[in-house]
Amino acid sequence: MGKKLLFVYNPKAGKAMIKNKLADILDIFAREGYEITIVPTQKRGDAREVVEGRRDSYELVVCSGGDGTLDEVVTGMIRSGIRTPIGYIPAGSTNDFGGSLSLPKKMVRAAETIMEGRNFPCDVGSFNDDIFVYIAAFGLFTDVSYETGQDMKNILGYMAYLLEGMKRLSSVRSFPMKVSWEGNQVEENFIFGMITNSVSVGGFKNITGKHVKLDDGVFEVTLIKSPRNPVELNNIMLSLLNRNIDTNAMYCFRTAELVLESKESVAWTLDGENGGSHTKVVIRNICKGMEIRVGKLPV
């Protein structure tokens, strides 16, 4: 019996380019002696269910799609209790996490990297009873990715996110929150917050901080205070994009665990997908909680 590989892919991710590359990708796996089980997803949640219900006889689980597809696969992996190495062929609109791992952008080359590469033990996050791979966020722009239609993402790419986000600048909402971590506590009105394990978000590199490591057991946390006027908001956005931290406008720190509490429910996004609304969120770093196949180890 050959080695067994589970291949889960989102046929609609990005510009649906995988349909032109699928035969080449499968050929690469087959040449390495893998017996392949292929599952194209049809709706949200399919990838998680397939991976969570898989047999423990798979030597490798490979997924192709956007970061949301990877999120589902990792969630299913952790919930199953079966630790199997993951291969990732990025095929979405931004692929922040693929970029953080320096995975090839060309799909066939990414498949070759999975066969040639090594396993990298990478941190993941728990979010109450859920799992996220590289970002949990609330506030400004965080609903853009799952409110923007897939067709619009495919046509406009980054512009789709920016255009949707610009619509909201005239009605920026703030969220009164109490945030606790490692003996510290603050209470502020925030317009945006992100807890990340990635070197880029929304295609912007270094927005999460400098010297980010994906296996150090801590998250990079950025919490932006409510601005007093539009000029201050603009300055905050520029500071964030250039990573020139203004301590009067935001909190930035690293931690393995934090708790965020609010009187009203706050909507969250997990890896670009709808994470639900919550009044209390407990986020913990699962240090080296998954193994993902990379070509070279992230530095």
C-alpha atoms as a PDB file:
ATOM      1  CA  MET A   1       0.000   0.000   0.000  1.00  0.00           C
ATOM      2  CA  GLY A   2       1.297   3.479  -0.882  1.00  0.00           C
ATOM      3  CA  LYS A   3       1.465   6.456   1.399  1.00  0.00           C
ATOM      4  CA  LYS A   4      -1.869   8.233   1.812  1.00  0.00           C
ATOM      5  CA  LEU A   5      -2.456  11.937   1.147  1.00  0.00           C
ATOM      6  CA  LEU A   6      -5.666  13.898   1.724  1.00  0.00           C
ATOM      7  CA  PHE A   7      -6.022  16.817  -0.698  1.00  0.00           C
ATOM      8  CA  VAL A   8      -8.726  19.383   0.114  1.00  0.00           C
ATOM      9  CA  TYR A   9      -9.142  22.380  -2.158  1.00  0.00           C
ATOM     10  CA  ASN A  10     -11.471  25.315  -2.685  1.00  0.00           C
ATOM     11  CA  PRO A  11     -12.255  25.424  -6.431  1.00  0.00           C
ATOM     12  CA  LYS A  12     -13.476  29.040  -6.200  1.00  0.00           C
ATOM     13  CA  ALA A  13     -10.540  30.559  -4.321  1.00  0.00           C
ATOM     14  CA  GLY A  14      -8.720  33.449  -5.936  1.00  0.00           C
ATOM     15  CA  LYS A  15      -9.462  33.416  -9.647  1.00  0.00           C
ATOM     16  CA  ALA A  16     -10.293  29.686  -9.646  1.00  0.00           C
ATOM     17  CA  MET A  17      -6.859  29.098 -11.168  1.00  0.00           C
ATOM     18  CA  ILE A  18      -6.494  25.671  -9.600  1.00  0.00           C
ATOM     19  CA  LYS A  19      -8.720  24.149 -12.282  1.00  0.00           C
ATOM     20  CA  ASN A  20      -5.897  24.751 -14.781  1.00  0.00           C
ATOM     21  CA  LYS A  21      -3.217  23.379 -12.445  1.00  0.00           C
ATOM     22  CA  LEU A  22      -5.004  20.473 -10.777  1.00  0.00           C
ATOM     23  CA  ALA A  23      -3.647  17.699 -13.023  1.00  0.00           C
ATOM     24  CA  ASP A  24      -0.057  18.941 -12.621  1.00  0.00           C
ATOM     25  CA  ILE A  25      -0.429  19.154  -8.840  1.00  0.00           C
ATOM     26  CA  LEU A  26      -1.852  15.642  -8.546  1.00  0.00           C
ATOM     27  CA  ASP A  27       0.885  14.308 -10.818  1.00  0.00           C
ATOM     28  CA  ILE A  28       3.540  15.706  -8.470  1.00  0.00           C
ATOM     29  CA  PHE A  29       1.947  13.935  -5.504  1.00  0.00           C
ATOM     30  CA  ALA A  30       1.502  10.669  -7.417  1.00  0.00           C
ATOM     31  CA  ARG A  31       5.138  10.615  -8.548  1.00  0.00           C
ATOM     32  CA  GLU A  32       6.149  10.587  -4.888  1.00  0.00           C
ATOM     33  CA  GLY A  33       4.111   7.426  -4.337  1.00  0.00           C
ATOM     34  CA  TYR A  34       1.064   8.928  -2.646  1.00  0.00           C
ATOM     35  CA  GLU A  35      -2.390   7.414  -2.852  1.00  0.00           C
ATOM     36  CA  ILE A  36      -4.507  10.569  -3.065  1.00  0.00           C
ATOM     37  CA  THR A  37      -7.977  11.271  -1.703  1.00  0.00           C
ATOM     38  CA  ILE A  38      -9.349  14.428  -3.378  1.00  0.00           C
ATOM     39  CA  VAL A  39     -12.072  16.596  -1.820  1.00  0.00           C
ATOM     40  CA  PRO A  40     -13.233  19.831  -3.496  1.00  0.00           C
ATOM     41  CA  THR A  41     -15.127  21.982  -0.999  1.00  0.00           C
ATOM     42  CA  GLN A  42     -18.656  23.138  -1.826  1.00  0.00           C
ATOM     43  CA  LYS A  43     -19.429  25.468   1.063  1.00  0.00           C
ATOM     44  CA  ARG A  44     -17.964  27.024   4.173  1.00  0.00           C
ATOM     45  CA  GLY A  45     -17.092  24.441   6.811  1.00  0.00           C
ATOM     46  CA  ASP A  46     -16.484  21.566   4.388  1.00  0.00           C
ATOM     47  CA  ALA A  47     -12.704  21.562   4.801  1.00  0.00           C
ATOM     48  CA  ARG A  48     -12.949  21.531   8.586  1.00  0.00           C
ATOM     49  CA  GLU A  49     -15.429  18.652   8.610  1.00  0.00           C
ATOM     50  CA  VAL A  50     -13.400  16.546   6.177  1.00  0.00           C
ATOM     51  CA  VAL A  51     -10.142  16.984   8.090  1.00  0.00           C
ATOM     52  CA  GLU A  52     -11.755  16.525  11.493  1.00  0.00           C
ATOM     53  CA  GLY A  53     -13.343  13.264  10.347  1.00  0.00           C
ATOM     54  CA  ARG A  54     -10.314  11.879   8.506  1.00  0.00           C
ATOM     55  CA  ARG A  55      -8.590   8.595   9.261  1.00  0.00           C
ATOM     56  CA  ASP A  56      -5.271   8.628  11.096  1.00  0.00           C
ATOM     57  CA  SER A  57      -3.697   6.709   8.199  1.00  0.00           C
ATOM     58  CA  TYR A  58      -2.946   9.863   6.191  1.00  0.00           C
ATOM     59  CA  GLU A  59       0.733  10.748   6.207  1.00  0.00           C
ATOM     60  CA  LEU A  60       0.013  14.235   4.840  1.00  0.00           C
ATOM     61  CA  VAL A  61      -2.938  16.620   4.516  1.00  0.00           C
ATOM     62  CA  VAL A  62      -2.660  19.193   1.722  1.00  0.00           C
ATOM     63  CA  CYS A  63      -5.030  22.093   1.207  1.00  0.00           C
ATOM     64  CA  SER A  64      -5.353  24.700  -1.511  1.00  0.00           C
ATOM     65  CA  GLY A  65      -7.377  27.872  -1.246  1.00  0.00           C
ATOM     66  CA  GLY A  66      -7.217  31.123   0.659  1.00  0.00           C
ATOM     67  CA  ASP A  67      -6.258  31.660   4.282  1.00  0.00           C
ATOM     68  CA  GLY A  68      -9.848  30.786   5.243  1.00  0.00           C
ATOM     69  CA  THR A  69      -9.421  27.302   3.767  1.00  0.00           C
ATOM     70  CA  LEU A  70      -6.186  26.839   5.700  1.00  0.00           C
ATOM     71  CA  ASP A  71      -7.977  28.020   8.851  1.00  0.00           C
ATOM     72  CA  GLU A  72     -10.631  25.325   8.406  1.00  0.00           C
ATOM     73  CA  VAL A  73      -8.036  22.606   7.823  1.00  0.00           C
ATOM     74  CA  VAL A  74      -6.008  23.573  10.899  1.00  0.00           C
ATOM     75  CA  THR A  75      -9.185  23.789  13.006  1.00  0.00           C
ATOM     76  CA  GLY A  76     -10.205  20.295  11.878  1.00  0.00           C
ATOM     77  CA  MET A  77      -6.680  19.045  12.553  1.00  0.00           C
ATOM     78  CA  ILE A  78      -6.605  20.274  16.130  1.00  0.00           C
ATOM     79  CA  ARG A  79     -10.163  19.174  16.918  1.00  0.00           C
ATOM     80  CA  SER A  80      -9.456  15.668  15.603  1.00  0.00           C
ATOM     81  CA  GLY A  81      -6.547  15.151  17.989  1.00  0.00           C
ATOM     82  CA  ILE A  82      -4.577  13.586  15.114  1.00  0.00           C
ATOM     83  CA  ARG A  83      -1.432  15.554  14.339  1.00  0.00           C
ATOM     84  CA  THR A  84      -0.640  15.206  10.649  1.00  0.00           C
ATOM     85  CA  PRO A  85       1.728  17.512   8.725  1.00  0.00           C
ATOM     86  CA  ILE A  86      -0.053  20.083   6.543  1.00  0.00           C
ATOM     87  CA  GLY A  87       0.916  21.206   3.063  1.00  0.00           C
ATOM     88  CA  TYR A  88      -0.486  24.522   1.828  1.00  0.00           C
ATOM     89  CA  ILE A  89      -0.883  25.655  -1.782  1.00  0.00           C
ATOM     90  CA  PRO A  90      -1.998  29.310  -1.548  1.00  0.00           C
ATOM     91  CA  ALA A  91      -4.724  30.217  -4.024  1.00  0.00           C
ATOM     92  CA  GLY A  92      -6.643  33.080  -2.399  1.00  0.00           C
ATOM     93  CA  SER A  93      -6.760  36.840  -2.863  1.00  0.00           C
ATOM     94  CA  THR A  94      -4.089  37.858  -0.338  1.00  0.00           C
ATOM     95  CA  ASN A  95      -2.550  34.728   1.247  1.00  0.00           C
ATOM     96  CA  ASP A  96      -0.940  36.520   4.182  1.00  0.00           C
ATOM     97  CA  PHE A  97       0.098  33.362   5.953  1.00  0.00           C
ATOM     98  CA  GLY A  98       1.579  31.775   2.842  1.00  0.00           C
ATOM     99  CA  GLY A  99       3.703  34.893   2.456  1.00  0.00           C
ATOM    100  CA  SER A 100       4.804  34.695   6.097  1.00  0.00           C
ATOM    101  CA  LEU A 101       6.061  31.151   5.419  1.00  0.00           C
ATOM    102  CA  SER A 102       7.744  32.203   2.140  1.00  0.00           C
ATOM    103  CA  LEU A 103       5.684  29.647   0.232  1.00  0.00           C
ATOM    104  CA  PRO A 104       5.900  29.883  -3.582  1.00  0.00           C
ATOM    105  CA  LYS A 105       3.142  31.905  -5.238  1.00  0.00           C
ATOM    106  CA  LYS A 106       3.054  29.594  -8.248  1.00  0.00           C
ATOM    107  CA  MET A 107       0.800  26.672  -7.414  1.00  0.00           C
ATOM    108  CA  VAL A 108       2.795  23.908  -9.091  1.00  0.00           C
ATOM    109  CA  ARG A 109       5.994  25.087  -7.412  1.00  0.00           C
ATOM    110  CA  ALA A 110       4.151  25.177  -4.063  1.00  0.00           C
ATOM    111  CA  ALA A 111       3.137  21.530  -4.615  1.00  0.00           C
ATOM    112  CA  GLU A 112       6.764  20.622  -5.349  1.00  0.00           C
ATOM    113  CA  THR A 113       7.824  22.412  -2.172  1.00  0.00           C
ATOM    114  CA  ILE A 114       5.416  20.283  -0.150  1.00  0.00           C
ATOM    115  CA  MET A 115       7.091  17.136  -1.512  1.00  0.00           C
ATOM    116  CA  GLU A 116      10.647  18.455  -1.132  1.00  0.00           C
ATOM    117  CA  GLY A 117      10.316  20.525   2.024  1.00  0.00           C
ATOM    118  CA  ARG A 118      10.465  19.986   5.744  1.00  0.00           C
ATOM    119  CA  ASN A 119       7.956  20.246   8.579  1.00  0.00           C
ATOM    120  CA  PHE A 120       7.904  23.521  10.510  1.00  0.00           C
ATOM    121  CA  PRO A 121       6.244  23.452  13.958  1.00  0.00           C
ATOM    122  CA  CYS A 122       4.165  26.639  13.948  1.00  0.00           C
ATOM    123  CA  ASP A 123       2.093  28.413  16.590  1.00  0.00           C
ATOM    124  CA  VAL A 124      -1.680  28.645  16.244  1.00  0.00           C
ATOM    125  CA  GLY A 125      -4.285  30.392  18.375  1.00  0.00           C
ATOM    126  CA  SER A 126      -7.313  29.357  20.383  1.00  0.00           C
ATOM    127  CA  PHE A 127     -10.192  31.841  20.445  1.00  0.00           C
ATOM    128  CA  ASN A 128     -12.730  30.779  23.081  1.00  0.00           C
ATOM    129  CA  ASP A 129     -13.823  27.423  21.604  1.00  0.00           C
ATOM    130  CA  ASP A 130     -12.511  28.202  18.120  1.00  0.00           C
ATOM    131  CA  ILE A 131      -9.114  28.103  16.375  1.00  0.00           C
ATOM    132  CA  PHE A 132      -7.291  30.637  14.207  1.00  0.00           C
ATOM    133  CA  VAL A 133      -4.042  30.352  12.284  1.00  0.00           C
ATOM    134  CA  TYR A 134      -2.619  33.848  12.067  1.00  0.00           C
ATOM    135  CA  ILE A 135      -5.057  36.652  12.993  1.00  0.00           C
ATOM    136  CA  ALA A 136      -8.025  37.427  15.224  1.00  0.00           C
ATOM    137  CA  ALA A 137      -9.299  40.978  14.793  1.00  0.00           C
ATOM    138  CA  PHE A 138     -12.154  43.355  15.545  1.00  0.00           C
ATOM    139  CA  GLY A 139     -13.180  46.844  14.516  1.00  0.00           C
ATOM    140  CA  LEU A 140     -12.202  48.972  11.529  1.00  0.00           C
ATOM    141  CA  PHE A 141     -12.129  47.050   8.235  1.00  0.00           C
ATOM    142  CA  THR A 142     -12.325  43.611   9.865  1.00  0.00           C
ATOM    143  CA  ASP A 143     -15.697  42.821   8.299  1.00  0.00           C
ATOM    144  CA  VAL A 144     -14.466  43.779   4.827  1.00  0.00           C
ATOM    145  CA  SER A 145     -13.038  40.386   3.888  1.00  0.00           C
ATOM    146  CA  TYR A 146     -16.199  38.399   4.528  1.00  0.00           C
ATOM    147  CA  GLU A 147     -18.614  41.074   3.281  1.00  0.00           C
ATOM    148  CA  THR A 148     -16.760  41.500  -0.010  1.00  0.00           C
ATOM    149  CA  GLY A 149     -18.146  39.067  -2.590  1.00  0.00           C
ATOM    150  CA  GLN A 150     -15.817  36.430  -4.049  1.00  0.00           C
ATOM    151  CA  ASP A 151     -16.355  37.711  -7.601  1.00  0.00           C
ATOM    152  CA  MET A 152     -15.362  41.196  -6.538  1.00  0.00           C
ATOM    153  CA  LYS A 153     -12.258  39.855  -4.783  1.00  0.00           C
ATOM    154  CA  ASN A 154     -11.232  38.004  -7.916  1.00  0.00           C
ATOM    155  CA  ILE A 155     -11.631  41.047 -10.177  1.00  0.00           C
ATOM    156  CA  LEU A 156     -10.186  43.745  -7.959  1.00  0.00           C
ATOM    157  CA  GLY A 157      -7.833  41.937  -5.590  1.00  0.00           C
ATOM    158  CA  TYR A 158      -6.459  44.323  -2.978  1.00  0.00           C
ATOM    159  CA  MET A 159      -8.606  47.158  -4.332  1.00  0.00           C
ATOM    160  CA  ALA A 160     -11.740  45.284  -3.304  1.00  0.00           C
ATOM    161  CA  TYR A 161     -10.667  45.397   0.329  1.00  0.00           C
ATOM    162  CA  LEU A 162      -9.617  49.018   0.175  1.00  0.00           C
ATOM    163  CA  LEU A 163     -12.776  50.203  -1.576  1.00  0.00           C
ATOM    164  CA  GLU A 164     -15.009  48.445   0.913  1.00  0.00           C
ATOM    165  CA  GLY A 165     -12.958  49.813   3.790  1.00  0.00           C
ATOM    166  CA  MET A 166     -13.047  53.397   2.549  1.00  0.00           C
ATOM    167  CA  LYS A 167     -16.852  53.342   2.710  1.00  0.00           C
ATOM    168  CA  ARG A 168     -16.575  52.997   6.473  1.00  0.00           C
ATOM    169  CA  LEU A 169     -14.196  55.874   7.242  1.00  0.00           C
ATOM    170  CA  SER A 170     -17.103  58.280   7.723  1.00  0.00           C
ATOM    171  CA  SER A 171     -18.690  56.090  10.383  1.00  0.00           C
ATOM    172  CA  VAL A 172     -15.846  54.672  12.456  1.00  0.00           C
ATOM    173  CA  ARG A 173     -17.201  52.900  15.512  1.00  0.00           C
ATOM    174  CA  SER A 174     -15.370  52.576  18.806  1.00  0.00           C
ATOM    175  CA  PHE A 175     -15.606  49.655  21.231  1.00  0.00           C
ATOM    176  CA  PRO A 176     -15.237  50.170  25.013  1.00  0.00           C
ATOM    177  CA  MET A 177     -13.143  47.231  26.221  1.00  0.00           C
ATOM    178  CA  LYS A 178     -11.192  45.914  29.159  1.00  0.00           C
ATOM    179  CA  VAL A 179      -8.058  44.065  28.072  1.00  0.00           C
ATOM    180  CA  SER A 180      -6.016  41.907  30.461  1.00  0.00           C
ATOM    181  CA  TRP A 181      -2.681  40.168  29.857  1.00  0.00           C
ATOM    182  CA  GLU A 182       0.210  38.965  32.022  1.00  0.00           C
ATOM    183  CA  GLY A 183      -0.787  41.052  35.061  1.00  0.00           C
ATOM    184  CA  ASN A 184      -1.585  44.143  32.964  1.00  0.00           C
ATOM    185  CA  GLN A 185      -5.005  45.679  32.427  1.00  0.00           C
ATOM    186  CA  VAL A 186      -6.283  48.617  30.375  1.00  0.00           C
ATOM    187  CA  GLU A 187      -9.756  50.014  29.721  1.00  0.00           C
ATOM    188  CA  GLU A 188     -10.121  52.098  26.575  1.00  0.00           C
ATOM    189  CA  ASN A 189     -12.320  52.806  23.584  1.00  0.00           C
ATOM    190  CA  PHE A 190     -10.748  51.010  20.627  1.00  0.00           C
ATOM    191  CA  ILE A 191     -11.544  51.285  16.917  1.00  0.00           C
ATOM    192  CA  PHE A 192      -9.410  48.324  15.925  1.00  0.00           C
ATOM    193  CA  GLY A 193      -7.550  45.407  17.436  1.00  0.00           C
ATOM    194  CA  MET A 194      -5.573  42.515  16.019  1.00  0.00           C
ATOM    195  CA  ILE A 195      -3.872  39.545  17.630  1.00  0.00           C
ATOM    196  CA  THR A 196      -1.488  38.104  15.059  1.00  0.00           C
ATOM    197  CA  ASN A 197       1.092  35.457  14.268  1.00  0.00           C
ATOM    198  CA  SER A 198       2.060  36.702  10.814  1.00  0.00           C
ATOM    199  CA  VAL A 199       4.487  39.096   9.167  1.00  0.00           C
ATOM    200  CA  SER A 200       1.733  40.626   6.997  1.00  0.00           C
ATOM    201  CA  VAL A 201      -1.974  41.410   7.150  1.00  0.00           C
ATOM    202  CA  GLY A 202      -4.086  42.332   4.122  1.00  0.00           C
ATOM    203  CA  GLY A 203      -1.001  42.083   1.958  1.00  0.00           C
ATOM    204  CA  PHE A 204       0.863  44.732   3.987  1.00  0.00           C
ATOM    205  CA  LYS A 205       4.190  43.479   5.321  1.00  0.00           C
ATOM    206  CA  ASN A 206       5.561  44.415   8.760  1.00  0.00           C
ATOM    207  CA  ILE A 207       2.204  45.870   9.860  1.00  0.00           C
ATOM    208  CA  THR A 208       2.187  43.401  12.778  1.00  0.00           C
ATOM    209  CA  GLY A 209       5.611  44.395  14.087  1.00  0.00           C
ATOM    210  CA  LYS A 210       9.310  43.788  13.623  1.00  0.00           C
ATOM    211  CA  HIS A 211      11.241  40.573  14.241  1.00  0.00           C
ATOM    212  CA  VAL A 212       8.075  38.459  14.194  1.00  0.00           C
ATOM    213  CA  LYS A 213       8.626  34.740  14.775  1.00  0.00           C
ATOM    214  CA  LEU A 214       5.925  32.190  14.040  1.00  0.00           C
ATOM    215  CA  ASP A 215       7.073  29.632  16.617  1.00  0.00           C
ATOM    216  CA  ASP A 216       7.940  31.685  19.714  1.00  0.00           C
ATOM    217  CA  GLY A 217       4.754  30.997  21.692  1.00  0.00           C
ATOM    218  CA  VAL A 218       3.556  34.618  21.732  1.00  0.00           C
ATOM    219  CA  PHE A 219       1.268  36.799  19.644  1.00  0.00           C
ATOM    220  CA  GLU A 220       1.861  40.337  18.421  1.00  0.00           C
ATOM    221  CA  VAL A 221      -1.020  42.493  19.709  1.00  0.00           C
ATOM    222  CA  THR A 222      -2.034  45.880  18.283  1.00  0.00           C
ATOM    223  CA  LEU A 223      -4.926  47.854  19.816  1.00  0.00           C
ATOM    224  CA  ILE A 224      -5.780  51.267  18.347  1.00  0.00           C
ATOM    225  CA  LYS A 225      -7.483  53.869  20.529  1.00  0.00           C
ATOM    226  CA  SER A 226     -10.432  55.899  19.290  1.00  0.00           C
ATOM    227  CA  PRO A 227      -9.230  59.051  17.452  1.00  0.00           C
ATOM    228  CA  ARG A 228     -10.586  62.487  18.338  1.00  0.00           C
ATOM    229  CA  ASN A 229     -10.857  63.736  14.749  1.00  0.00           C
ATOM    230  CA  PRO A 230     -10.357  62.615  11.107  1.00  0.00           C
ATOM    231  CA  VAL A 231      -6.817  63.997  10.980  1.00  0.00           C
ATOM    232  CA  GLU A 232      -5.838  61.898  13.978  1.00  0.00           C
ATOM    233  CA  LEU A 233      -7.437  58.840  12.373  1.00  0.00           C
ATOM    234  CA  ASN A 234      -5.401  59.407   9.210  1.00  0.00           C
ATOM    235  CA  ASN A 235      -2.197  59.747  11.241  1.00  0.00           C
ATOM    236  CA  ILE A 236      -2.985  56.518  13.088  1.00  0.00           C
ATOM    237  CA  MET A 237      -3.471  54.618   9.827  1.00  0.00           C
ATOM    238  CA  LEU A 238      -0.187  55.963   8.443  1.00  0.00           C
ATOM    239  CA  SER A 239       1.620  55.058  11.664  1.00  0.00           C
ATOM    240  CA  LEU A 240       0.251  51.535  11.487  1.00  0.00           C
ATOM    241  CA  LEU A 241       1.169  51.015   7.828  1.00  0.00           C
ATOM    242  CA  ASN A 242       4.695  52.382   8.391  1.00  0.00           C
ATOM    243  CA  ARG A 243       4.952  50.676  11.786  1.00  0.00           C
ATOM    244  CA  ASN A 244       5.976  53.935  13.428  1.00  0.00           C
ATOM    245  CA  ILE A 245       4.262  53.208  16.712  1.00  0.00           C
ATOM    246  CA  ASP A 246       2.516  56.123  18.375  1.00  0.00           C
ATOM    247  CA  THR A 247       2.115  55.029  21.987  1.00  0.00           C
ATOM    248  CA  ASN A 248      -0.437  57.802  22.590  1.00  0.00           C
ATOM    249  CA  ALA A 249      -2.683  56.308  19.923  1.00  0.00           C
ATOM    250  CA  MET A 250      -2.208  52.565  20.318  1.00  0.00           C
ATOM    251  CA  TYR A 251      -1.033  49.708  22.497  1.00  0.00           C
ATOM    252  CA  CYS A 252       1.463  47.245  21.021  1.00  0.00           C
ATOM    253  CA  PHE A 253       2.794  44.268  22.968  1.00  0.00           C
ATOM    254  CA  ARG A 254       3.541  40.544  22.833  1.00  0.00           C
ATOM    255  CA  THR A 255       1.811  37.953  24.976  1.00  0.00           C
ATOM    256  CA  ALA A 256       0.900  34.262  25.068  1.00  0.00           C
ATOM    257  CA  GLU A 257      -2.593  34.905  26.439  1.00  0.00           C
ATOM    258  CA  LEU A 258      -5.059  37.773  26.791  1.00  0.00           C
ATOM    259  CA  VAL A 259      -8.679  38.405  27.695  1.00  0.00           C
ATOM    260  CA  LEU A 260     -10.872  41.066  26.062  1.00  0.00           C
ATOM    261  CA  GLU A 261     -14.206  42.010  27.656  1.00  0.00           C
ATOM    262  CA  SER A 262     -16.976  44.390  26.599  1.00  0.00           C
ATOM    263  CA  LYS A 263     -20.537  45.109  27.692  1.00  0.00           C
ATOM    264  CA  GLU A 264     -21.869  44.915  24.136  1.00  0.00           C
ATOM    265  CA  SER A 265     -21.124  42.116  21.680  1.00  0.00           C
ATOM    266  CA  VAL A 266     -18.217  42.840  19.358  1.00  0.00           C
ATOM    267  CA  ALA A 267     -17.883  41.244  15.913  1.00  0.00           C
ATOM    268  CA  TRP A 268     -14.611  39.416  15.243  1.00  0.00           C
ATOM    269  CA  THR A 269     -12.891  37.998  12.200  1.00  0.00           C
ATOM    270  CA  LEU A 270     -10.656  34.921  12.330  1.00  0.00           C
ATOM    271  CA  ASP A 271      -8.227  34.524   9.419  1.00  0.00           C
ATOM    272  CA  GLY A 272     -10.456  36.728   7.284  1.00  0.00           C
ATOM    273  CA  GLU A 273     -13.645  34.804   8.038  1.00  0.00           C
ATOM    274  CA  ASN A 274     -16.580  35.669  10.281  1.00  0.00           C
ATOM    275  CA  GLY A 275     -15.657  34.809  13.871  1.00  0.00           C
ATOM    276  CA  GLY A 276     -19.004  35.737  15.446  1.00  0.00           C
ATOM    277  CA  SER A 277     -19.876  38.391  18.047  1.00  0.00           C
ATOM    278  CA  HIS A 278     -18.712  38.131  21.656  1.00  0.00           C
ATOM    279  CA  THR A 279     -18.708  40.044  24.939  1.00  0.00           C
ATOM    280  CA  LYS A 280     -15.730  38.066  26.291  1.00  0.00           C
ATOM    281  CA  VAL A 281     -12.886  36.580  24.329  1.00  0.00           C
ATOM    282  CA  VAL A 282     -10.046  34.469  25.729  1.00  0.00           C
ATOM    283  CA  ILE A 283      -7.158  34.064  23.318  1.00  0.00           C
ATOM    284  CA  ARG A 284      -4.290  31.662  23.958  1.00  0.00           C
ATOM    285  CA  ASN A 285      -1.217  30.784  21.931  1.00  0.00           C
ATOM    286  CA  ILE A 286      -0.878  27.066  21.185  1.00  0.00           C
ATOM    287  CA  CYS A 287       2.895  26.973  20.871  1.00  0.00           C
ATOM    288  CA  LYS A 288       3.995  24.872  17.871  1.00  0.00           C
ATOM    289  CA  GLY A 289       0.452  23.529  17.640  1.00  0.00           C
ATOM    290  CA  MET A 290       0.715  22.398  14.023  1.00  0.00           C
ATOM    291  CA  GLU A 291       3.354  21.217  11.576  1.00  0.00           C
ATOM    292  CA  ILE A 292       3.300  22.834   8.156  1.00  0.00           C
ATOM    293  CA  ARG A 293       5.514  21.926   5.202  1.00  0.00           C
ATOM    294  CA  VAL A 294       7.873  24.701   4.090  1.00  0.00           C
ATOM    295  CA  GLY A 295      10.728  25.023   1.657  1.00  0.00           C
ATOM    296  CA  LYS A 296      12.965  26.910   4.044  1.00  0.00           C
ATOM    297  CA  LEU A 297      12.500  27.578   7.712  1.00  0.00           C
ATOM    298  CA  PRO A 298      11.078  31.060   8.492  1.00  0.00           C
ATOM    299  CA  VAL A 299      13.629  33.289  10.199  1.00  0.00           C
END
